[in-house]
Amino acid sequence: MIELKTKLELGILRECGRIVSGILAEVKKGVRPGITTKDLEVIADRNFDICKVVSAFKGYRGFPGSICVSVNEELVHGIPRKTKTIKDGDIVKVDIGIKHKGFFGDIAETVPVGHITQEVKDLLRVSYGSFDAVLKYANTNYMLGDISSGVQEYIESQGYSVIRDFVGHGIGRMLHEKPEVPNFGKHNTGPKLEPGIVMAVEPMVALGSWEIQILKDNWTVVMTDKKYCAHYEHMIAITENGPELLTHLDPILT
């Protein structure tokens, strides 16, 4: 069952979106050659404390980190490590979740480091550009399958693959709620979009095949063909006036 948020609950989720966006912005400032993925987690932990929120990921189903940091061919769920050093030309996927006033916030961005190739620049541009398709269909005139199909159509028309094994999700009092939001699908299918639905929509896009595997740490997801991939995530509310973005990628931490 999809839980429709009240105006009061949506107000708290706006706070969650603002706070988690600000924490991501602070972590992004630390992304540079020579820093470790564990260093980025330290920055996030400091800002969790500043904002008086807790990590949504720490201990979730046994996950050992407080944020996820995935590099290059790593797609999601990378565990921050002191031994994982970021280099010029890398792309770093930073995924952050928080709990605040009994509700959750969730956001992710793929951050380029130094001089990346044109091929990778295009990957990032197209991956983030898929949110235009999300926002086009994220209103009460459409169904959930229209969002999923819109993302898939756009990504594949640009020559990239959409990941099939992981999906976006509803968000609210739980980190992962109904509905699941795949990045592939068919128009005019799935539940009708109604005011009060809040989703974390997260396009995951690969340069090569969409096939993935999980490393021996039982968490880090990598592309089987070792090609680069991108991951972005925004919280979006369905309202009577259209879609409302609850997260953004370049805020000032307040």
C-alpha atoms as a PDB file:
ATOM      1  CA  MET A   1       0.000   0.000   0.000  1.00  0.00           C
ATOM      2  CA  ILE A   2       1.305   3.465  -0.918  1.00  0.00           C
ATOM      3  CA  GLU A   3       1.129   5.892   1.992  1.00  0.00           C
ATOM      4  CA  LEU A   4      -0.033   9.393   1.031  1.00  0.00           C
ATOM      5  CA  LYS A   5       1.690  12.084   3.093  1.00  0.00           C
ATOM      6  CA  THR A   6      -0.266  14.792   4.867  1.00  0.00           C
ATOM      7  CA  LYS A   7       0.684  18.458   4.565  1.00  0.00           C
ATOM      8  CA  LEU A   8       2.372  18.254   7.978  1.00  0.00           C
ATOM      9  CA  GLU A   9       4.355  15.163   6.983  1.00  0.00           C
ATOM     10  CA  LEU A  10       5.323  16.742   3.676  1.00  0.00           C
ATOM     11  CA  GLY A  11       6.650  19.737   5.610  1.00  0.00           C
ATOM     12  CA  ILE A  12       8.942  17.476   7.639  1.00  0.00           C
ATOM     13  CA  LEU A  13      10.077  15.723   4.459  1.00  0.00           C
ATOM     14  CA  ARG A  14      10.948  19.125   2.998  1.00  0.00           C
ATOM     15  CA  GLU A  15      13.194  19.655   6.022  1.00  0.00           C
ATOM     16  CA  CYS A  16      14.732  16.222   5.467  1.00  0.00           C
ATOM     17  CA  GLY A  17      15.405  17.061   1.820  1.00  0.00           C
ATOM     18  CA  ARG A  18      16.947  20.414   2.662  1.00  0.00           C
ATOM     19  CA  ILE A  19      19.204  18.963   5.362  1.00  0.00           C
ATOM     20  CA  VAL A  20      20.419  15.946   3.394  1.00  0.00           C
ATOM     21  CA  SER A  21      21.088  18.193   0.375  1.00  0.00           C
ATOM     22  CA  GLY A  22      23.202  20.464   2.559  1.00  0.00           C
ATOM     23  CA  ILE A  23      25.205  17.585   3.976  1.00  0.00           C
ATOM     24  CA  LEU A  24      25.896  16.280   0.478  1.00  0.00           C
ATOM     25  CA  ALA A  25      27.095  19.749  -0.542  1.00  0.00           C
ATOM     26  CA  GLU A  26      29.599  19.734   2.334  1.00  0.00           C
ATOM     27  CA  VAL A  27      30.856  16.261   1.452  1.00  0.00           C
ATOM     28  CA  LYS A  28      31.278  17.294  -2.180  1.00  0.00           C
ATOM     29  CA  LYS A  29      33.684  20.034  -1.104  1.00  0.00           C
ATOM     30  CA  GLY A  30      36.017  17.318   0.153  1.00  0.00           C
ATOM     31  CA  VAL A  31      36.076  15.312  -3.071  1.00  0.00           C
ATOM     32  CA  ARG A  32      39.549  15.732  -4.581  1.00  0.00           C
ATOM     33  CA  PRO A  33      42.540  13.622  -5.610  1.00  0.00           C
ATOM     34  CA  GLY A  34      44.391  12.099  -2.674  1.00  0.00           C
ATOM     35  CA  ILE A  35      41.483  11.920  -0.251  1.00  0.00           C
ATOM     36  CA  THR A  36      40.076   8.549   0.806  1.00  0.00           C
ATOM     37  CA  THR A  37      36.465   7.480   0.711  1.00  0.00           C
ATOM     38  CA  LYS A  38      36.676   7.133   4.507  1.00  0.00           C
ATOM     39  CA  ASP A  39      37.644  10.818   4.714  1.00  0.00           C
ATOM     40  CA  LEU A  40      34.361  11.674   2.989  1.00  0.00           C
ATOM     41  CA  GLU A  41      32.475   9.668   5.576  1.00  0.00           C
ATOM     42  CA  VAL A  42      34.207  11.646   8.335  1.00  0.00           C
ATOM     43  CA  ILE A  43      32.967  14.889   6.742  1.00  0.00           C
ATOM     44  CA  ALA A  44      29.450  13.496   6.583  1.00  0.00           C
ATOM     45  CA  ASP A  45      29.545  12.336  10.203  1.00  0.00           C
ATOM     46  CA  ARG A  46      30.622  15.792  11.337  1.00  0.00           C
ATOM     47  CA  ASN A  47      27.708  17.348   9.487  1.00  0.00           C
ATOM     48  CA  PHE A  48      25.221  14.803  10.820  1.00  0.00           C
ATOM     49  CA  ASP A  49      26.208  16.090  14.251  1.00  0.00           C
ATOM     50  CA  ILE A  50      25.972  19.748  13.204  1.00  0.00           C
ATOM     51  CA  CYS A  51      22.470  19.222  11.836  1.00  0.00           C
ATOM     52  CA  LYS A  52      21.408  17.005  14.761  1.00  0.00           C
ATOM     53  CA  VAL A  53      20.358  14.127  12.508  1.00  0.00           C
ATOM     54  CA  VAL A  54      21.463  10.519  12.281  1.00  0.00           C
ATOM     55  CA  SER A  55      22.644   8.451   9.350  1.00  0.00           C
ATOM     56  CA  ALA A  56      19.892   6.384   7.762  1.00  0.00           C
ATOM     57  CA  PHE A  57      22.431   3.899   6.417  1.00  0.00           C
ATOM     58  CA  LYS A  58      24.587   3.062   9.457  1.00  0.00           C
ATOM     59  CA  GLY A  59      23.563  -0.447  10.504  1.00  0.00           C
ATOM     60  CA  TYR A  60      20.761  -0.629   7.925  1.00  0.00           C
ATOM     61  CA  ARG A  61      20.548  -4.359   7.176  1.00  0.00           C
ATOM     62  CA  GLY A  62      24.050  -4.527   8.625  1.00  0.00           C
ATOM     63  CA  PHE A  63      25.662  -1.872   6.407  1.00  0.00           C
ATOM     64  CA  PRO A  64      28.890  -0.771   8.182  1.00  0.00           C
ATOM     65  CA  GLY A  65      29.193   2.796   6.833  1.00  0.00           C
ATOM     66  CA  SER A  66      27.261   5.977   7.529  1.00  0.00           C
ATOM     67  CA  ILE A  67      27.249   6.945   3.822  1.00  0.00           C
ATOM     68  CA  CYS A  68      27.837   5.056   0.578  1.00  0.00           C
ATOM     69  CA  VAL A  69      30.814   6.043  -1.593  1.00  0.00           C
ATOM     70  CA  SER A  70      31.234   4.217  -4.900  1.00  0.00           C
ATOM     71  CA  VAL A  71      33.997   4.960  -7.417  1.00  0.00           C
ATOM     72  CA  ASN A  72      34.117   4.526 -11.224  1.00  0.00           C
ATOM     73  CA  GLU A  73      32.710   1.080 -12.119  1.00  0.00           C
ATOM     74  CA  GLU A  74      31.239   0.774  -8.618  1.00  0.00           C
ATOM     75  CA  LEU A  75      27.543   1.607  -8.860  1.00  0.00           C
ATOM     76  CA  VAL A  76      26.122   1.749  -5.322  1.00  0.00           C
ATOM     77  CA  HIS A  77      26.664   0.631  -1.710  1.00  0.00           C
ATOM     78  CA  GLY A  78      30.405   1.260  -1.661  1.00  0.00           C
ATOM     79  CA  ILE A  79      31.731   1.034   1.915  1.00  0.00           C
ATOM     80  CA  PRO A  80      33.948   4.007   2.882  1.00  0.00           C
ATOM     81  CA  ARG A  81      37.528   2.779   3.384  1.00  0.00           C
ATOM     82  CA  LYS A  82      40.838   4.272   4.468  1.00  0.00           C
ATOM     83  CA  THR A  83      42.495   2.202   1.725  1.00  0.00           C
ATOM     84  CA  LYS A  84      40.352   3.577  -1.127  1.00  0.00           C
ATOM     85  CA  THR A  85      42.056   6.717  -2.458  1.00  0.00           C
ATOM     86  CA  ILE A  86      40.346   8.994  -4.976  1.00  0.00           C
ATOM     87  CA  LYS A  87      42.368   9.946  -8.067  1.00  0.00           C
ATOM     88  CA  ASP A  88      42.208  12.530 -10.839  1.00  0.00           C
ATOM     89  CA  GLY A  89      39.792  11.339 -13.524  1.00  0.00           C
ATOM     90  CA  ASP A  90      37.616   9.336 -11.141  1.00  0.00           C
ATOM     91  CA  ILE A  91      33.874   9.735 -10.722  1.00  0.00           C
ATOM     92  CA  VAL A  92      32.601   9.345  -7.174  1.00  0.00           C
ATOM     93  CA  LYS A  93      29.030   8.384  -6.340  1.00  0.00           C
ATOM     94  CA  VAL A  94      28.071   9.801  -2.945  1.00  0.00           C
ATOM     95  CA  ASP A  95      24.782   8.509  -1.502  1.00  0.00           C
ATOM     96  CA  ILE A  96      23.561   9.986   1.800  1.00  0.00           C
ATOM     97  CA  GLY A  97      20.503   9.214   3.904  1.00  0.00           C
ATOM     98  CA  ILE A  98      19.333  10.808   7.156  1.00  0.00           C
ATOM     99  CA  LYS A  99      16.642  10.362   9.781  1.00  0.00           C
ATOM    100  CA  HIS A 100      15.053  13.547  11.121  1.00  0.00           C
ATOM    101  CA  LYS A 101      11.930  13.925  13.270  1.00  0.00           C
ATOM    102  CA  GLY A 102      10.914  10.361  12.496  1.00  0.00           C
ATOM    103  CA  PHE A 103      11.214  10.755   8.714  1.00  0.00           C
ATOM    104  CA  PHE A 104      13.938  10.045   6.171  1.00  0.00           C
ATOM    105  CA  GLY A 105      15.871  12.005   3.561  1.00  0.00           C
ATOM    106  CA  ASP A 106      17.873  10.423   0.725  1.00  0.00           C
ATOM    107  CA  ILE A 107      20.040  11.914  -2.041  1.00  0.00           C
ATOM    108  CA  ALA A 108      22.881  10.854  -4.343  1.00  0.00           C
ATOM    109  CA  GLU A 109      25.160  12.517  -6.857  1.00  0.00           C
ATOM    110  CA  THR A 110      28.000  11.429  -9.121  1.00  0.00           C
ATOM    111  CA  VAL A 111      30.920  13.823  -8.583  1.00  0.00           C
ATOM    112  CA  PRO A 112      33.672  14.184 -11.228  1.00  0.00           C
ATOM    113  CA  VAL A 113      37.238  14.500  -9.947  1.00  0.00           C
ATOM    114  CA  GLY A 114      39.677  16.722 -11.831  1.00  0.00           C
ATOM    115  CA  HIS A 115      40.010  16.008 -15.536  1.00  0.00           C
ATOM    116  CA  ILE A 116      37.500  13.431 -16.735  1.00  0.00           C
ATOM    117  CA  THR A 117      37.154  12.246 -20.315  1.00  0.00           C
ATOM    118  CA  GLN A 118      34.509  13.579 -22.690  1.00  0.00           C
ATOM    119  CA  GLU A 119      32.943  10.118 -22.702  1.00  0.00           C
ATOM    120  CA  VAL A 120      32.431  10.283 -18.948  1.00  0.00           C
ATOM    121  CA  LYS A 121      31.220  13.897 -19.097  1.00  0.00           C
ATOM    122  CA  ASP A 122      28.544  12.786 -21.545  1.00  0.00           C
ATOM    123  CA  LEU A 123      27.565   9.905 -19.260  1.00  0.00           C
ATOM    124  CA  LEU A 124      27.011  12.289 -16.362  1.00  0.00           C
ATOM    125  CA  ARG A 125      25.149  14.830 -18.487  1.00  0.00           C
ATOM    126  CA  VAL A 126      22.744  12.244 -19.848  1.00  0.00           C
ATOM    127  CA  SER A 127      22.249  10.529 -16.487  1.00  0.00           C
ATOM    128  CA  TYR A 128      21.275  13.732 -14.724  1.00  0.00           C
ATOM    129  CA  GLY A 129      19.315  14.894 -17.754  1.00  0.00           C
ATOM    130  CA  SER A 130      16.956  11.958 -17.300  1.00  0.00           C
ATOM    131  CA  PHE A 131      15.322  13.885 -14.444  1.00  0.00           C
ATOM    132  CA  ASP A 132      13.651  16.009 -17.124  1.00  0.00           C
ATOM    133  CA  ALA A 133      11.688  12.892 -18.079  1.00  0.00           C
ATOM    134  CA  VAL A 134      10.898  12.234 -14.416  1.00  0.00           C
ATOM    135  CA  LEU A 135       9.511  15.729 -13.881  1.00  0.00           C
ATOM    136  CA  LYS A 136       7.530  15.591 -17.131  1.00  0.00           C
ATOM    137  CA  TYR A 137       5.520  12.626 -15.879  1.00  0.00           C
ATOM    138  CA  ALA A 138       5.524  13.221 -12.096  1.00  0.00           C
ATOM    139  CA  ASN A 139       1.999  14.598 -11.845  1.00  0.00           C
ATOM    140  CA  THR A 140      -1.566  13.411 -11.419  1.00  0.00           C
ATOM    141  CA  ASN A 141      -2.151  13.039 -15.161  1.00  0.00           C
ATOM    142  CA  TYR A 142       0.142  10.007 -15.287  1.00  0.00           C
ATOM    143  CA  MET A 143       0.961   6.644 -13.783  1.00  0.00           C
ATOM    144  CA  LEU A 144       4.165   5.390 -12.191  1.00  0.00           C
ATOM    145  CA  GLY A 145       5.062   3.397 -15.292  1.00  0.00           C
ATOM    146  CA  ASP A 146       5.180   6.632 -17.269  1.00  0.00           C
ATOM    147  CA  ILE A 147       8.072   7.888 -15.117  1.00  0.00           C
ATOM    148  CA  SER A 148       9.942   4.595 -15.438  1.00  0.00           C
ATOM    149  CA  SER A 149       9.370   4.376 -19.186  1.00  0.00           C
ATOM    150  CA  GLY A 150      10.299   8.024 -19.690  1.00  0.00           C
ATOM    151  CA  VAL A 151      13.672   7.535 -18.003  1.00  0.00           C
ATOM    152  CA  GLN A 152      14.380   4.371 -19.981  1.00  0.00           C
ATOM    153  CA  GLU A 153      13.422   5.920 -23.311  1.00  0.00           C
ATOM    154  CA  TYR A 154      15.653   8.921 -22.763  1.00  0.00           C
ATOM    155  CA  ILE A 155      18.686   6.990 -21.500  1.00  0.00           C
ATOM    156  CA  GLU A 156      18.560   4.305 -24.171  1.00  0.00           C
ATOM    157  CA  SER A 157      17.986   6.851 -26.929  1.00  0.00           C
ATOM    158  CA  GLN A 158      21.360   8.344 -25.960  1.00  0.00           C
ATOM    159  CA  GLY A 159      23.116   4.977 -26.263  1.00  0.00           C
ATOM    160  CA  TYR A 160      23.397   4.053 -22.567  1.00  0.00           C
ATOM    161  CA  SER A 161      22.023   1.243 -20.417  1.00  0.00           C
ATOM    162  CA  VAL A 162      19.678   1.557 -17.436  1.00  0.00           C
ATOM    163  CA  ILE A 163      20.348  -0.665 -14.443  1.00  0.00           C
ATOM    164  CA  ARG A 164      17.661  -3.320 -13.899  1.00  0.00           C
ATOM    165  CA  ASP A 165      18.625  -4.752 -10.503  1.00  0.00           C
ATOM    166  CA  PHE A 166      18.128  -1.649  -8.352  1.00  0.00           C
ATOM    167  CA  VAL A 167      15.237   0.801  -8.253  1.00  0.00           C
ATOM    168  CA  GLY A 168      14.055   3.998  -6.624  1.00  0.00           C
ATOM    169  CA  HIS A 169      11.495   3.887  -3.844  1.00  0.00           C
ATOM    170  CA  GLY A 170       8.882   5.643  -1.802  1.00  0.00           C
ATOM    171  CA  ILE A 171      10.198   7.425   1.273  1.00  0.00           C
ATOM    172  CA  GLY A 172       8.713   8.768   4.493  1.00  0.00           C
ATOM    173  CA  ARG A 173       8.615   7.177   7.937  1.00  0.00           C
ATOM    174  CA  MET A 174      10.701   4.397   6.423  1.00  0.00           C
ATOM    175  CA  LEU A 175      13.760   4.736   4.203  1.00  0.00           C
ATOM    176  CA  HIS A 176      12.283   2.357   1.639  1.00  0.00           C
ATOM    177  CA  GLU A 177       8.512   2.378   1.169  1.00  0.00           C
ATOM    178  CA  LYS A 178       6.065   1.573  -1.588  1.00  0.00           C
ATOM    179  CA  PRO A 179       6.119   2.217  -4.477  1.00  0.00           C
ATOM    180  CA  GLU A 180       9.231   0.835  -6.099  1.00  0.00           C
ATOM    181  CA  VAL A 181      10.374   3.173  -8.900  1.00  0.00           C
ATOM    182  CA  PRO A 182      12.278   1.296 -11.641  1.00  0.00           C
ATOM    183  CA  ASN A 183      14.247   3.133 -14.311  1.00  0.00           C
ATOM    184  CA  PHE A 184      12.571   1.006 -16.965  1.00  0.00           C
ATOM    185  CA  GLY A 185       8.988   0.093 -17.683  1.00  0.00           C
ATOM    186  CA  LYS A 186       5.910   0.676 -19.816  1.00  0.00           C
ATOM    187  CA  HIS A 187       3.660   3.691 -20.173  1.00  0.00           C
ATOM    188  CA  ASN A 188       0.158   3.541 -18.668  1.00  0.00           C
ATOM    189  CA  THR A 189       1.085   0.883 -16.118  1.00  0.00           C
ATOM    190  CA  GLY A 190       1.441   0.837 -12.350  1.00  0.00           C
ATOM    191  CA  PRO A 191      -0.371   2.926  -9.749  1.00  0.00           C
ATOM    192  CA  LYS A 192      -1.850   6.296 -10.631  1.00  0.00           C
ATOM    193  CA  LEU A 193       0.169   9.182  -9.246  1.00  0.00           C
ATOM    194  CA  GLU A 194      -1.689  10.994  -6.465  1.00  0.00           C
ATOM    195  CA  PRO A 195      -0.970  14.057  -4.324  1.00  0.00           C
ATOM    196  CA  GLY A 196       0.929  12.941  -1.227  1.00  0.00           C
ATOM    197  CA  ILE A 197       3.130  10.339  -2.893  1.00  0.00           C
ATOM    198  CA  VAL A 198       6.787  11.002  -2.105  1.00  0.00           C
ATOM    199  CA  MET A 199       9.491   9.106  -3.980  1.00  0.00           C
ATOM    200  CA  ALA A 200      13.261   8.894  -4.085  1.00  0.00           C
ATOM    201  CA  VAL A 201      13.828   8.588  -7.827  1.00  0.00           C
ATOM    202  CA  GLU A 202      17.332   7.423  -8.696  1.00  0.00           C
ATOM    203  CA  PRO A 203      18.479   6.936 -12.284  1.00  0.00           C
ATOM    204  CA  MET A 204      21.401   4.498 -12.543  1.00  0.00           C
ATOM    205  CA  VAL A 205      23.112   4.512 -15.914  1.00  0.00           C
ATOM    206  CA  ALA A 206      26.004   2.538 -17.426  1.00  0.00           C
ATOM    207  CA  LEU A 207      28.385   3.145 -20.314  1.00  0.00           C
ATOM    208  CA  GLY A 208      28.254  -0.538 -21.214  1.00  0.00           C
ATOM    209  CA  SER A 209      26.025  -3.418 -20.163  1.00  0.00           C
ATOM    210  CA  TRP A 210      23.509  -3.040 -17.325  1.00  0.00           C
ATOM    211  CA  GLU A 211      24.662  -6.303 -15.713  1.00  0.00           C
ATOM    212  CA  ILE A 212      26.087  -6.038 -12.193  1.00  0.00           C
ATOM    213  CA  GLN A 213      27.781  -8.169  -9.564  1.00  0.00           C
ATOM    214  CA  ILE A 214      28.330  -7.807  -5.822  1.00  0.00           C
ATOM    215  CA  LEU A 215      31.860  -7.899  -4.400  1.00  0.00           C
ATOM    216  CA  LYS A 216      33.045 -10.195  -1.606  1.00  0.00           C
ATOM    217  CA  ASP A 217      32.252  -7.528   1.008  1.00  0.00           C
ATOM    218  CA  ASN A 218      28.593  -8.420   0.259  1.00  0.00           C
ATOM    219  CA  TRP A 219      27.743  -4.752  -0.338  1.00  0.00           C
ATOM    220  CA  THR A 220      29.677  -3.012  -3.113  1.00  0.00           C
ATOM    221  CA  VAL A 221      27.861  -3.308  -6.456  1.00  0.00           C
ATOM    222  CA  VAL A 222      30.058  -3.107  -9.567  1.00  0.00           C
ATOM    223  CA  MET A 223      29.436  -3.292 -13.285  1.00  0.00           C
ATOM    224  CA  THR A 224      30.344  -6.733 -14.593  1.00  0.00           C
ATOM    225  CA  ASP A 225      32.124  -5.251 -17.632  1.00  0.00           C
ATOM    226  CA  LYS A 226      34.050  -2.787 -15.362  1.00  0.00           C
ATOM    227  CA  LYS A 227      32.846   0.232 -17.359  1.00  0.00           C
ATOM    228  CA  TYR A 228      31.954   3.508 -15.646  1.00  0.00           C
ATOM    229  CA  CYS A 229      28.442   4.126 -14.361  1.00  0.00           C
ATOM    230  CA  ALA A 230      26.527   7.022 -12.829  1.00  0.00           C
ATOM    231  CA  HIS A 231      23.940   7.366 -10.056  1.00  0.00           C
ATOM    232  CA  TYR A 232      21.795  10.346  -9.100  1.00  0.00           C
ATOM    233  CA  GLU A 233      18.911  10.527  -6.641  1.00  0.00           C
ATOM    234  CA  HIS A 234      16.291  13.153  -5.817  1.00  0.00           C
ATOM    235  CA  MET A 235      13.284  13.160  -3.514  1.00  0.00           C
ATOM    236  CA  ILE A 236      10.158  14.217  -5.404  1.00  0.00           C
ATOM    237  CA  ALA A 237       6.662  14.845  -4.055  1.00  0.00           C
ATOM    238  CA  ILE A 238       3.535  14.565  -6.162  1.00  0.00           C
ATOM    239  CA  THR A 239       1.293  17.567  -5.444  1.00  0.00           C
ATOM    240  CA  GLU A 240      -1.916  18.991  -6.848  1.00  0.00           C
ATOM    241  CA  ASN A 241       0.243  21.590  -8.608  1.00  0.00           C
ATOM    242  CA  GLY A 242       2.740  19.165 -10.125  1.00  0.00           C
ATOM    243  CA  PRO A 243       6.056  17.692  -8.955  1.00  0.00           C
ATOM    244  CA  GLU A 244       8.004  19.278  -6.095  1.00  0.00           C
ATOM    245  CA  LEU A 245      11.720  18.584  -5.749  1.00  0.00           C
ATOM    246  CA  LEU A 246      12.501  18.147  -2.055  1.00  0.00           C
ATOM    247  CA  THR A 247      16.256  17.792  -2.603  1.00  0.00           C
ATOM    248  CA  HIS A 248      18.748  19.768  -4.660  1.00  0.00           C
ATOM    249  CA  LEU A 249      22.396  19.294  -5.447  1.00  0.00           C
ATOM    250  CA  ASP A 250      24.063  22.641  -4.746  1.00  0.00           C
ATOM    251  CA  PRO A 251      22.572  24.069  -1.544  1.00  0.00           C
ATOM    252  CA  ILE A 252      24.230  25.958   1.312  1.00  0.00           C
ATOM    253  CA  LEU A 253      24.339  24.035   4.566  1.00  0.00           C
ATOM    254  CA  THR A 254      22.203  25.824   7.166  1.00  0.00           C
END
